[in-house]
Amino acid sequence: MISIYLVIAVLLAYLFGSIPTAVWLGQAFYGVDVREYGSGNAGATNTFRVLGPRAGSIVMFVDIFKGWTATNLAYLIELGQNTSDVQFVNFQLALGVIAVIGHLFPVFAGFRGGKGVATLCGMILAIHTPAALVCVSVFIIILLTTHYVSLSSISAGFAFPFSLAFIFKTTIPSVLLYGIAICTLLLITHQKNIERLLKGHESKIYLFKKRNKAKE
């Protein structure tokens, strides 16, 4: 039976995900819509590229918080019904996915959002914090060595199911399936980035170097 708690949680998860952090921050403090520059995405990576490390970092952390908050709305559902551990995790997965969909297609920004990597990270943090920390470590290492955010994101995404299966040996099938789904989603949303990487045309991000706004 569908409870009012479930309906509210689903709605809030989408609305949290729909908060267009990059768009609002860019317009409010820089007079810029980041979707008109760089890759055209309203996410942390393009904000780094267009507005610099400070703005990009703010967008990244807020988007991570969006995913973490939406995923933890599963506790709201638990108020309305008794759930097993597996059911609770499944609710977390569902709400996290809804938040990512909200980030990809935000109602507050004409349904033109980002690629959802930071929101996915927040979701992973809420569901399995140790595995999330492994992903973050992989992301940072790849970024500092290659300066490619897209490659770092894809590598971190693949690290999630690997760490779940071989390091933490999770016994919840839905979490493993979700990890595999993340890899598939990242490959789909980063198709253009992968093409540019193969051709050597992908833009690099330097965390400690200011970048000027420019169309790329």
Protein backbone atom coordinates (compact mmCIF):
# COMPACT_ATOMS: atom_id res chain seq x y z
CA MET A 1 0.00 0.00 0.00
CA ILE A 2 1.28 3.43 -0.95
CA SER A 3 1.52 5.67 2.10
CA ILE A 4 1.47 9.45 2.28
CA TYR A 5 5.04 9.25 3.62
CA LEU A 6 6.16 7.47 0.45
CA VAL A 7 4.48 10.04 -1.79
CA ILE A 8 6.02 12.94 0.14
CA ALA A 9 9.47 11.31 0.10
CA VAL A 10 9.36 10.73 -3.68
CA LEU A 11 8.22 14.30 -4.35
CA LEU A 12 10.86 15.80 -2.05
CA ALA A 13 13.59 13.60 -3.57
CA TYR A 14 12.82 14.91 -7.04
CA LEU A 15 12.61 18.52 -5.84
CA PHE A 16 15.92 18.22 -3.97
CA GLY A 17 17.52 16.79 -7.07
CA SER A 18 16.01 19.55 -9.19
CA ILE A 19 17.77 22.35 -7.32
CA PRO A 20 19.96 23.79 -10.13
CA THR A 21 22.92 24.74 -7.95
CA ALA A 22 25.22 25.63 -10.84
CA VAL A 23 22.59 27.73 -12.61
CA TRP A 24 21.46 29.64 -9.54
CA LEU A 25 24.97 30.27 -8.23
CA GLY A 26 26.24 31.38 -11.63
CA GLN A 27 23.34 33.74 -12.23
CA ALA A 28 23.28 35.16 -8.69
CA PHE A 29 27.00 35.81 -8.18
CA TYR A 30 28.54 35.89 -11.66
CA GLY A 31 25.69 36.95 -13.93
CA VAL A 32 26.38 33.82 -16.00
CA ASP A 33 24.29 30.82 -17.01
CA VAL A 34 26.91 28.06 -17.08
CA ARG A 35 24.78 26.15 -19.61
CA GLU A 36 25.72 28.73 -22.22
CA TYR A 37 29.44 27.98 -21.89
CA GLY A 38 31.83 25.05 -21.82
CA SER A 39 30.06 21.72 -22.17
CA GLY A 40 26.64 23.31 -21.68
CA ASN A 41 25.87 21.20 -18.60
CA ALA A 42 24.58 22.57 -15.31
CA GLY A 43 26.91 20.60 -13.09
CA ALA A 44 30.02 20.92 -10.96
CA THR A 45 32.45 19.98 -13.74
CA ASN A 46 31.25 22.68 -16.10
CA THR A 47 31.15 25.17 -13.24
CA PHE A 48 34.82 24.42 -12.52
CA ARG A 49 35.53 24.99 -16.20
CA VAL A 50 33.51 28.19 -16.60
CA LEU A 51 33.60 29.91 -13.19
CA GLY A 52 36.66 28.44 -11.52
CA PRO A 53 37.55 26.17 -8.57
CA ARG A 54 35.73 28.14 -5.84
CA ALA A 55 32.35 28.14 -7.59
CA GLY A 56 32.88 24.59 -8.81
CA SER A 57 33.64 23.35 -5.32
CA ILE A 58 30.50 24.96 -3.89
CA VAL A 59 28.34 23.43 -6.61
CA MET A 60 29.95 20.02 -6.12
CA PHE A 61 29.39 19.94 -2.35
CA VAL A 62 25.81 21.21 -2.60
CA ASP A 63 24.99 18.65 -5.29
CA ILE A 64 26.51 15.89 -3.15
CA PHE A 65 24.38 17.08 -0.24
CA LYS A 66 21.29 16.98 -2.49
CA GLY A 67 21.86 13.31 -3.24
CA TRP A 68 22.65 12.45 0.37
CA THR A 69 19.57 14.25 1.68
CA ALA A 70 17.20 12.76 -0.89
CA THR A 71 18.48 9.25 -0.26
CA ASN A 72 18.04 9.59 3.48
CA LEU A 73 14.39 10.49 3.00
CA ALA A 74 13.97 6.72 3.33
CA TYR A 75 13.81 7.41 7.07
CA LEU A 76 10.60 9.36 6.38
CA ILE A 77 9.08 6.32 4.67
CA GLU A 78 10.09 4.21 7.65
CA LEU A 79 7.89 6.39 9.84
CA GLY A 80 4.85 5.11 7.97
CA GLN A 81 5.71 1.42 7.87
CA ASN A 82 8.03 -1.17 9.31
CA THR A 83 10.82 -2.07 6.89
CA SER A 84 13.53 -4.69 6.83
CA ASP A 85 17.15 -3.70 6.23
CA VAL A 86 16.93 -4.78 2.59
CA GLN A 87 13.66 -2.88 2.07
CA PHE A 88 15.16 0.22 3.62
CA VAL A 89 18.17 0.10 1.31
CA ASN A 90 15.86 -0.42 -1.66
CA PHE A 91 13.91 2.69 -0.66
CA GLN A 92 17.21 4.57 -0.41
CA LEU A 93 18.17 3.40 -3.89
CA ALA A 94 14.83 4.44 -5.36
CA LEU A 95 14.88 7.89 -3.78
CA GLY A 96 18.49 8.46 -4.78
CA VAL A 97 17.72 7.57 -8.39
CA ILE A 98 14.76 9.97 -8.34
CA ALA A 99 17.07 12.72 -7.07
CA VAL A 100 19.52 12.02 -9.90
CA ILE A 101 16.65 12.20 -12.39
CA GLY A 102 15.75 15.55 -10.84
CA HIS A 103 19.33 16.72 -11.35
CA LEU A 104 19.32 15.57 -14.97
CA PHE A 105 15.89 17.09 -15.66
CA PRO A 106 15.35 19.87 -13.08
CA VAL A 107 11.89 21.38 -12.96
CA PHE A 108 13.40 24.64 -11.68
CA ALA A 109 15.69 25.09 -14.70
CA GLY A 110 13.68 24.15 -17.76
CA PHE A 111 14.61 20.47 -17.41
CA ARG A 112 18.20 21.22 -18.55
CA GLY A 113 20.50 19.91 -15.84
CA GLY A 114 23.88 18.28 -15.35
CA LYS A 115 25.17 14.73 -15.55
CA GLY A 116 24.39 13.81 -11.96
CA VAL A 117 27.83 12.61 -10.86
CA ALA A 118 27.98 14.67 -7.64
CA THR A 119 24.38 13.76 -6.81
CA LEU A 120 25.25 10.09 -7.37
CA CYS A 121 28.17 10.53 -5.00
CA GLY A 122 25.84 11.86 -2.31
CA MET A 123 23.56 8.92 -2.88
CA ILE A 124 26.45 6.46 -2.51
CA LEU A 125 27.60 8.21 0.68
CA ALA A 126 24.18 7.67 2.21
CA ILE A 127 23.89 4.02 1.15
CA HIS A 128 27.43 2.71 1.70
CA THR A 129 29.83 5.28 3.13
CA PRO A 130 33.01 3.11 3.06
CA ALA A 131 32.53 2.27 -0.64
CA ALA A 132 31.82 5.92 -1.32
CA LEU A 133 35.12 6.89 0.28
CA VAL A 134 36.90 4.44 -2.02
CA CYS A 135 35.20 6.11 -5.00
CA VAL A 136 36.17 9.57 -3.77
CA SER A 137 39.79 8.44 -3.35
CA VAL A 138 39.85 7.06 -6.89
CA PHE A 139 38.29 10.27 -8.22
CA ILE A 140 40.87 12.49 -6.50
CA ILE A 141 43.84 10.35 -7.56
CA ILE A 142 42.75 10.24 -11.22
CA LEU A 143 41.93 13.95 -11.24
CA LEU A 144 45.25 15.01 -9.74
CA THR A 145 47.21 12.83 -12.15
CA THR A 146 45.26 13.42 -15.40
CA HIS A 147 43.22 16.61 -14.73
CA TYR A 148 40.27 15.04 -16.57
CA VAL A 149 37.08 15.26 -14.49
CA SER A 150 35.17 13.01 -16.90
CA LEU A 151 37.77 10.24 -16.66
CA SER A 152 37.87 10.66 -12.87
CA SER A 153 34.09 10.36 -12.65
CA ILE A 154 33.95 7.25 -14.82
CA SER A 155 36.80 5.61 -12.91
CA ALA A 156 35.15 6.39 -9.56
CA GLY A 157 31.86 4.97 -10.85
CA PHE A 158 33.51 1.68 -11.80
CA ALA A 159 35.26 1.57 -8.42
CA PHE A 160 31.89 1.46 -6.63
CA PRO A 161 30.62 -2.01 -7.68
CA PHE A 162 34.20 -3.36 -7.58
CA SER A 163 34.66 -2.27 -3.96
CA LEU A 164 31.21 -3.52 -3.00
CA ALA A 165 31.83 -6.97 -4.46
CA PHE A 166 35.50 -7.57 -3.65
CA ILE A 167 36.38 -5.34 -0.70
CA PHE A 168 33.20 -5.08 1.37
CA LYS A 169 31.48 -8.21 0.01
CA THR A 170 27.95 -6.85 0.26
CA THR A 171 25.15 -9.41 0.37
CA ILE A 172 22.37 -7.11 -0.87
CA PRO A 173 21.81 -7.88 -4.59
CA SER A 174 20.03 -4.60 -5.32
CA VAL A 175 23.07 -2.59 -4.20
CA LEU A 176 25.34 -4.52 -6.57
CA LEU A 177 22.87 -4.10 -9.41
CA TYR A 178 22.75 -0.41 -8.64
CA GLY A 179 26.54 -0.24 -8.80
CA ILE A 180 26.47 -1.81 -12.25
CA ALA A 181 23.70 0.59 -13.28
CA ILE A 182 25.89 3.54 -12.21
CA CYS A 183 28.65 2.37 -14.54
CA THR A 184 26.17 2.09 -17.40
CA LEU A 185 24.68 5.52 -16.68
CA LEU A 186 28.10 7.17 -16.53
CA LEU A 187 29.08 5.65 -19.86
CA ILE A 188 25.85 6.90 -21.42
CA THR A 189 26.03 10.43 -20.01
CA HIS A 190 29.74 10.77 -20.82
CA GLN A 191 29.67 9.56 -24.41
CA LYS A 192 30.85 12.89 -25.80
CA ASN A 193 33.52 13.14 -23.12
CA ILE A 194 34.78 9.66 -24.00
CA GLU A 195 34.97 10.64 -27.67
CA ARG A 196 36.95 13.76 -26.78
CA LEU A 197 39.25 11.75 -24.49
CA LEU A 198 40.01 9.30 -27.28
CA LYS A 199 40.74 12.17 -29.66
CA GLY A 200 42.76 14.09 -27.07
CA HIS A 201 40.36 17.04 -27.15
CA GLU A 202 38.89 16.80 -23.66
CA SER A 203 39.28 19.92 -21.51
CA LYS A 204 41.41 19.64 -18.39
CA ILE A 205 40.57 21.04 -14.98
CA TYR A 206 43.28 22.45 -12.72
CA LEU A 207 41.99 22.68 -9.16
CA PHE A 208 44.57 25.17 -8.01
CA LYS A 209 44.69 27.33 -11.11
CA LYS A 210 42.16 30.02 -11.98
CA ARG A 211 40.45 29.59 -15.30
CA ASN A 212 38.88 32.38 -17.35
CA LYS A 213 35.36 32.01 -18.59
CA ALA A 214 35.41 30.95 -22.22
CA LYS A 215 33.42 28.93 -24.62
CA GLU A 216 35.05 25.57 -25.22
